[in-house]
Amino acid sequence: MPTLDILFQDDYLIAVNKPHGLLVHRSSIAADAAEFALQILRDQLNRHVFPAHRLDRKTGGVLLFALDKDTEKLMQRQFMENRVKKTYLAIVRGHTVDEEAIDYPLRKENGTLQDAFTRYKTLNRAELEVPFGNHPTSRYSLVEAKPETGRMHQLRKHFSHIFHPIIGDRTHGCNKQNKLFKERWQMETMLLHASQLSFKHPLTHRTITVNAPIQPEFIRAMNLMGWNK
């Protein structure tokens, strides 16, 4: 049976490093999936666990569960009230500016607009000798993003909005770049990783910071860019 890497655990909460491509729980919109983080962790611990928040299927990184319903409700409230500090790493198309704040409302499924705010900074840039479209080279950036609101697909939509889509994002990304990564490097992973969660523990009131190491495909992409040398 598969197991998940545990990053933090106490009597109330447990955080794991969710692999890219793994659903948090069963969903009618992903009938093809056979494995889910919730069921894997439940079997791994031999006890019930309750998701405190969600990560997209294709996003890897810190995923937090509660070990009882009361703690689940307390943590979900913190996420809803944007009191949990979230940090992500992403590899995007093009060369991003050094730092930027993206203040761009996002529309819910019912058409309602919601405020959405993201800050990011550029950690590294690469220019590969790989022709792309009319350009003789291909440019990419490694960014650290901190969403200050928690809208669905916020980072994916925000980076698409500023014309630096996340590599491997099929819904909001660049299909030509995704095809390039698939055909040239046999890579289909969405290069978005939830690297850190920081929050006030709902029972002990201590500040908890959980860090998740990046995973093999993200490391491979960074090696392609020459960022791990």
Protein backbone atom coordinates (compact mmCIF):
# COMPACT_ATOMS: atom_id res chain seq x y z
CA MET A 1 0.00 0.00 0.00
CA PRO A 2 1.28 3.53 -0.73
CA THR A 3 2.15 5.80 2.18
CA LEU A 4 2.41 9.57 2.52
CA ASP A 5 5.39 11.49 3.91
CA ILE A 6 4.35 12.97 7.27
CA LEU A 7 5.68 16.49 7.84
CA PHE A 8 4.02 17.32 11.17
CA GLN A 9 1.85 15.45 13.67
CA ASP A 10 0.44 16.00 17.14
CA ASP A 11 -2.72 14.92 18.95
CA TYR A 12 -4.94 17.17 16.81
CA LEU A 13 -3.38 17.74 13.39
CA ILE A 14 -1.26 15.97 10.80
CA ALA A 15 0.36 17.40 7.67
CA VAL A 16 1.64 15.38 4.73
CA ASN A 17 3.54 16.12 1.52
CA LYS A 18 0.90 15.36 -1.11
CA PRO A 19 2.31 14.09 -4.42
CA HIS A 20 1.36 15.83 -7.65
CA GLY A 21 -1.58 14.04 -9.27
CA LEU A 22 -3.16 12.70 -6.07
CA LEU A 23 -6.72 13.74 -5.22
CA VAL A 24 -7.44 14.83 -1.65
CA HIS A 25 -10.63 12.73 -1.53
CA ARG A 26 -13.12 10.97 -3.78
CA SER A 27 -14.82 13.22 -6.32
CA SER A 28 -17.50 12.63 -8.91
CA ILE A 29 -15.56 14.82 -11.37
CA ALA A 30 -12.51 12.53 -11.26
CA ALA A 31 -13.93 9.07 -11.72
CA ASP A 32 -10.62 7.83 -13.14
CA ALA A 33 -8.83 8.12 -9.79
CA ALA A 34 -8.26 5.02 -7.68
CA GLU A 35 -6.19 6.49 -4.85
CA PHE A 36 -6.91 9.46 -2.57
CA ALA A 37 -4.85 11.19 0.10
CA LEU A 38 -7.60 10.92 2.71
CA GLN A 39 -7.99 7.15 2.34
CA ILE A 40 -4.22 6.52 2.12
CA LEU A 41 -3.57 8.49 5.30
CA ARG A 42 -6.52 6.91 7.10
CA ASP A 43 -5.17 3.44 6.34
CA GLN A 44 -1.62 4.53 7.17
CA LEU A 45 -2.66 5.75 10.64
CA ASN A 46 -5.50 3.29 11.13
CA ARG A 47 -7.80 6.11 12.22
CA HIS A 48 -10.17 8.67 10.70
CA VAL A 49 -8.71 11.90 9.34
CA PHE A 50 -10.50 15.06 8.18
CA PRO A 51 -9.17 17.45 5.50
CA ALA A 52 -8.66 20.97 6.86
CA HIS A 53 -8.32 22.46 3.37
CA ARG A 54 -7.86 21.39 -0.26
CA LEU A 55 -5.10 21.27 -2.84
CA ASP A 56 -5.71 20.82 -6.54
CA ARG A 57 -5.13 17.31 -7.79
CA LYS A 58 -2.09 18.41 -9.83
CA THR A 59 -0.58 20.56 -7.05
CA GLY A 60 1.93 18.95 -4.69
CA GLY A 61 3.00 19.95 -1.20
CA VAL A 62 1.71 20.62 2.32
CA LEU A 63 -1.74 19.17 2.94
CA LEU A 64 -3.22 19.51 6.43
CA PHE A 65 -5.66 17.11 8.08
CA ALA A 66 -7.38 17.23 11.45
CA LEU A 67 -7.67 14.16 13.65
CA ASP A 68 -11.16 15.01 14.93
CA LYS A 69 -14.20 16.93 13.70
CA ASP A 70 -13.91 19.81 16.17
CA THR A 71 -10.32 20.57 15.15
CA GLU A 72 -11.33 20.27 11.49
CA LYS A 73 -13.95 23.00 11.95
CA LEU A 74 -11.52 25.29 13.79
CA MET A 75 -8.86 24.94 11.09
CA GLN A 76 -11.31 25.32 8.23
CA ARG A 77 -12.45 28.59 9.80
CA GLN A 78 -8.84 29.82 9.84
CA PHE A 79 -8.47 28.99 6.15
CA MET A 80 -11.77 30.67 5.28
CA GLU A 81 -10.76 33.81 7.19
CA ASN A 82 -7.34 33.89 5.42
CA ARG A 83 -5.49 33.52 8.73
CA VAL A 84 -3.26 30.72 7.41
CA LYS A 85 -0.12 31.95 5.65
CA LYS A 86 0.53 29.93 2.49
CA THR A 87 3.67 29.87 0.36
CA TYR A 88 4.00 28.18 -3.02
CA LEU A 89 6.76 27.58 -5.56
CA ALA A 90 5.93 27.61 -9.26
CA ILE A 91 7.76 27.42 -12.56
CA VAL A 92 6.14 29.74 -15.07
CA ARG A 93 6.56 30.74 -18.70
CA GLY A 94 8.71 33.78 -19.44
CA HIS A 95 10.82 36.04 -17.26
CA THR A 96 8.78 37.55 -14.43
CA VAL A 97 9.63 40.86 -12.75
CA ASP A 98 11.55 40.79 -9.45
CA GLU A 99 8.44 41.33 -7.31
CA GLU A 100 4.80 42.00 -8.03
CA ALA A 101 1.39 42.18 -6.37
CA ILE A 102 -1.50 40.78 -8.39
CA ASP A 103 -4.81 42.36 -7.40
CA TYR A 104 -7.31 40.77 -9.77
CA PRO A 105 -10.84 39.67 -8.76
CA LEU A 106 -11.87 36.15 -9.75
CA ARG A 107 -15.32 34.98 -10.76
CA LYS A 108 -17.07 32.14 -8.94
CA GLU A 109 -19.05 29.48 -10.81
CA ASN A 110 -22.25 31.42 -10.10
CA GLY A 111 -20.79 34.53 -11.73
CA THR A 112 -20.06 36.47 -8.54
CA LEU A 113 -16.76 38.34 -8.45
CA GLN A 114 -14.50 37.83 -5.42
CA ASP A 115 -11.46 39.86 -4.40
CA ALA A 116 -8.23 37.94 -4.99
CA PHE A 117 -4.74 39.12 -4.06
CA THR A 118 -1.37 37.42 -4.60
CA ARG A 119 2.18 38.60 -3.92
CA TYR A 120 5.12 36.92 -5.57
CA LYS A 121 8.86 37.32 -6.01
CA THR A 122 11.17 35.84 -8.60
CA LEU A 123 13.78 33.43 -7.22
CA ASN A 124 15.49 32.45 -10.48
CA ARG A 125 15.30 32.77 -14.25
CA ALA A 126 16.43 30.55 -17.12
CA GLU A 127 16.78 30.84 -20.88
CA LEU A 128 17.09 27.50 -22.67
CA GLU A 129 18.48 26.98 -26.16
CA VAL A 130 15.15 25.49 -27.19
CA PRO A 131 13.26 27.31 -30.01
CA PHE A 132 9.67 28.12 -29.16
CA GLY A 133 7.26 29.64 -31.69
CA ASN A 134 8.95 32.63 -33.29
CA HIS A 135 11.56 32.80 -30.52
CA PRO A 136 15.02 31.18 -30.78
CA THR A 137 15.00 30.33 -27.05
CA SER A 138 12.57 29.45 -24.25
CA ARG A 139 12.39 31.49 -21.05
CA TYR A 140 11.19 30.40 -17.61
CA SER A 141 11.07 31.72 -14.05
CA LEU A 142 10.95 30.15 -10.60
CA VAL A 143 8.66 32.19 -8.37
CA GLU A 144 7.66 32.16 -4.71
CA ALA A 145 3.99 33.09 -4.42
CA LYS A 146 1.98 34.04 -1.34
CA PRO A 147 -1.79 34.17 -1.92
CA GLU A 148 -3.46 36.45 0.62
CA THR A 149 -6.93 35.20 -0.31
CA GLY A 150 -7.98 31.60 -0.92
CA ARG A 151 -9.93 31.54 -4.17
CA MET A 152 -10.29 28.41 -6.29
CA HIS A 153 -7.33 28.06 -8.69
CA GLN A 154 -6.20 31.53 -7.59
CA LEU A 155 -2.50 31.16 -8.40
CA ARG A 156 -3.19 29.38 -11.69
CA LYS A 157 -5.58 32.13 -12.78
CA HIS A 158 -3.42 34.99 -11.52
CA PHE A 159 -0.25 33.85 -13.30
CA SER A 160 -2.25 33.27 -16.46
CA HIS A 161 -3.66 36.80 -16.09
CA ILE A 162 -0.17 38.34 -16.09
CA PHE A 163 0.84 36.18 -19.11
CA HIS A 164 3.21 33.96 -17.12
CA PRO A 165 1.15 30.75 -16.87
CA ILE A 166 2.31 27.86 -14.71
CA ILE A 167 3.93 25.07 -16.68
CA GLY A 168 1.73 21.96 -16.84
CA ASP A 169 -1.52 23.79 -16.09
CA ARG A 170 -3.90 22.42 -18.69
CA THR A 171 -6.90 24.55 -17.75
CA HIS A 172 -5.35 28.01 -17.38
CA GLY A 173 -1.90 27.46 -18.86
CA CYS A 174 -0.21 27.53 -22.26
CA ASN A 175 -1.07 24.46 -24.33
CA LYS A 176 1.98 24.92 -26.57
CA GLN A 177 4.35 25.02 -23.58
CA ASN A 178 2.63 22.02 -22.03
CA LYS A 179 3.07 20.14 -25.32
CA LEU A 180 6.75 21.11 -25.45
CA PHE A 181 7.37 19.75 -21.95
CA LYS A 182 5.51 16.55 -22.73
CA GLU A 183 7.21 15.85 -26.05
CA ARG A 184 10.73 17.06 -25.29
CA TRP A 185 11.08 16.08 -21.62
CA GLN A 186 8.20 13.58 -21.10
CA MET A 187 6.85 15.80 -18.33
CA GLU A 188 3.16 16.46 -17.66
CA THR A 189 3.34 17.49 -13.98
CA MET A 190 1.89 20.90 -13.10
CA LEU A 191 4.88 22.72 -11.62
CA LEU A 192 3.09 24.19 -8.61
CA HIS A 193 4.16 23.16 -5.10
CA ALA A 194 2.68 24.19 -1.75
CA SER A 195 5.97 24.66 0.08
CA GLN A 196 4.85 26.06 3.44
CA LEU A 197 1.88 26.54 5.76
CA SER A 198 2.06 28.71 8.86
CA PHE A 199 -0.80 29.08 11.33
CA LYS A 200 -1.76 29.41 14.98
CA HIS A 201 -2.57 26.01 16.41
CA PRO A 202 -6.30 26.04 17.30
CA LEU A 203 -5.77 24.11 20.56
CA THR A 204 -2.23 24.80 21.81
CA HIS A 205 -2.14 28.34 20.32
CA ARG A 206 1.49 27.86 19.27
CA THR A 207 2.63 29.11 15.87
CA ILE A 208 3.11 26.09 13.63
CA THR A 209 5.14 26.28 10.42
CA VAL A 210 5.19 23.22 8.15
CA ASN A 211 7.60 22.96 5.21
CA ALA A 212 7.32 20.46 2.36
CA PRO A 213 10.35 19.47 0.26
CA ILE A 214 9.83 19.67 -3.49
CA GLN A 215 9.18 16.38 -5.24
CA PRO A 216 11.01 14.45 -8.00
CA GLU A 217 9.37 15.97 -11.09
CA PHE A 218 9.77 19.51 -9.74
CA ILE A 219 13.42 18.74 -8.99
CA ARG A 220 13.84 17.38 -12.52
CA ALA A 221 12.38 20.57 -13.99
CA MET A 222 14.73 22.69 -11.87
CA ASN A 223 17.66 20.59 -13.10
CA LEU A 224 16.55 21.20 -16.70
CA MET A 225 16.70 24.93 -15.98
CA GLY A 226 20.15 24.66 -14.42
CA TRP A 227 18.92 25.89 -11.04
CA ASN A 228 20.26 23.00 -8.94
CA LYS A 229 23.85 23.19 -10.13
